[in-house]
Amino acid sequence: MYLHVVSFDIPYPANYGGVIVIFNQIKALHRLGVKVVLHCFKYGNRTEQEILERYCHEVNYYPRSRSIWYQIGLLPFIMRTRQNGKLLRRLRKDNYPILFEGMHTAAHIWHKRLRGRQKIVRMHNVEWQYYEGLSQLTDSVLAKLFYFVESLRLQRIEPKVVLHADEVLTLSTTDQAYYKEIKSNTHYIPAFHPNERVECLPGRGEYVLFHGKLSVPDNDRAAQWLIQEVFADLNIPFVIAGMEPTARLQELATRYDHVSIVDNPDEERMVDLIKNAHINLLFSFQSSGIKLKLLNALFRGRFCIVNDAMVSGMDLKALCYVRNSAASIRQTVEALINAPFETGKINDRKAVLETQFSNLENARKLMQVIKFS
């Protein structure tokens, strides 16, 4: 059972949404006997990783140039910069099915030399909506323009990608409903994640935690909003943890003695922060995107307070306190901060998370979609 997986980035370290999905999917498929031929794009500060060879039959790396010249043309920048001839030549060497991870990697999907191959696209979200949202959330004029133009390009090219795919996979039921309007062969397979079992600690913690990749405009804005609208007058320790916090967020946090930032924690530190928090508070202004941090908080943390956008399309409302206004979030934090987290709630999570969000079970669902030769 051989499968090409085309990843938009090197999927290790698995320290942000999309690569967490890809890395843990590869591990699950490996356990079930699938021989993954991995293709990944090398850029930024991420480097080739020996650990990938432990779970893959073959690993291929391709450079990704982010030159401004790739902004010219109708193809979205995230696709154009991954349109690699060497990748296409490698895909043509055999007849294995191909899984394109995200719109980012699908620039070759309609190529005539891949006709007759099973081509699967996993949509990590409705990409044009995600970029439209980013354009509204960022303050930078240049970034706002880039996200807006990219959203228009993605919206234009999306039907072509979907129609050339044999199967479409989504990470949420809302995205599944959206893509089913275009492609009947659309399947909801939940996100792969680093958790095998629920590991919540009973009892109490001492602080409220918000975590995420803080350079992402949505997370940056959410963290700032929570400081200003919820915790400014709420004297309960509030910890914000994640990669690359903005200067504005760091400056804002220094104004309050009970607000602190843990910048760029490693995986072990982040797990410790999630498990020992009394409340994991997760807020988003966008319903699109992968909400893996919610799964991590439910598998490992105590109480979870979220807003509707955080649980959109994931059927996890019953395990969370869903609050949307600053006043209701503040009231719920005050009500829960001294309440012990009991074993009954841990059992409720096990019943849902260890079945519906089991990596091995979802890998089996994926294997039913793939046509192994």
Foldseek 3Di string as FASTA:
>chain_A
DEEEEEEAAPLPPVAADLSQLVVLLLQLVQVVPYAYAYEYEYDDPDDDDPVVVVRHNHYHYDYFDQDPVCVPDLAFSLQSRQPDPVVVVVPLPDQFAYEYEAPSNQPCLPPPSNPPHAYEYEHQWLQLVVLCVLLVQDPDPVSNVSSPSNSVSSVVCVLVSLVSHPAYEYQFPVRQVVSCVRPVRYYYQHGRHDDQAFAADWFAAQAEEEEHAQVRSFNVVVLLCCVVLAVVPPQGAYEYEHEDHDPVSQVSQVVDPRYYYHYPDDPVVVLVVLRRHREYEYEGPALIGHLRVVVSNLRRHAAYEYEPSNCHRPPCPVLHHHDDHSVVVNVVCVVRNNPIRDVVSSVVSRVPCNPSVRSNVSSVVVVVVGDGD
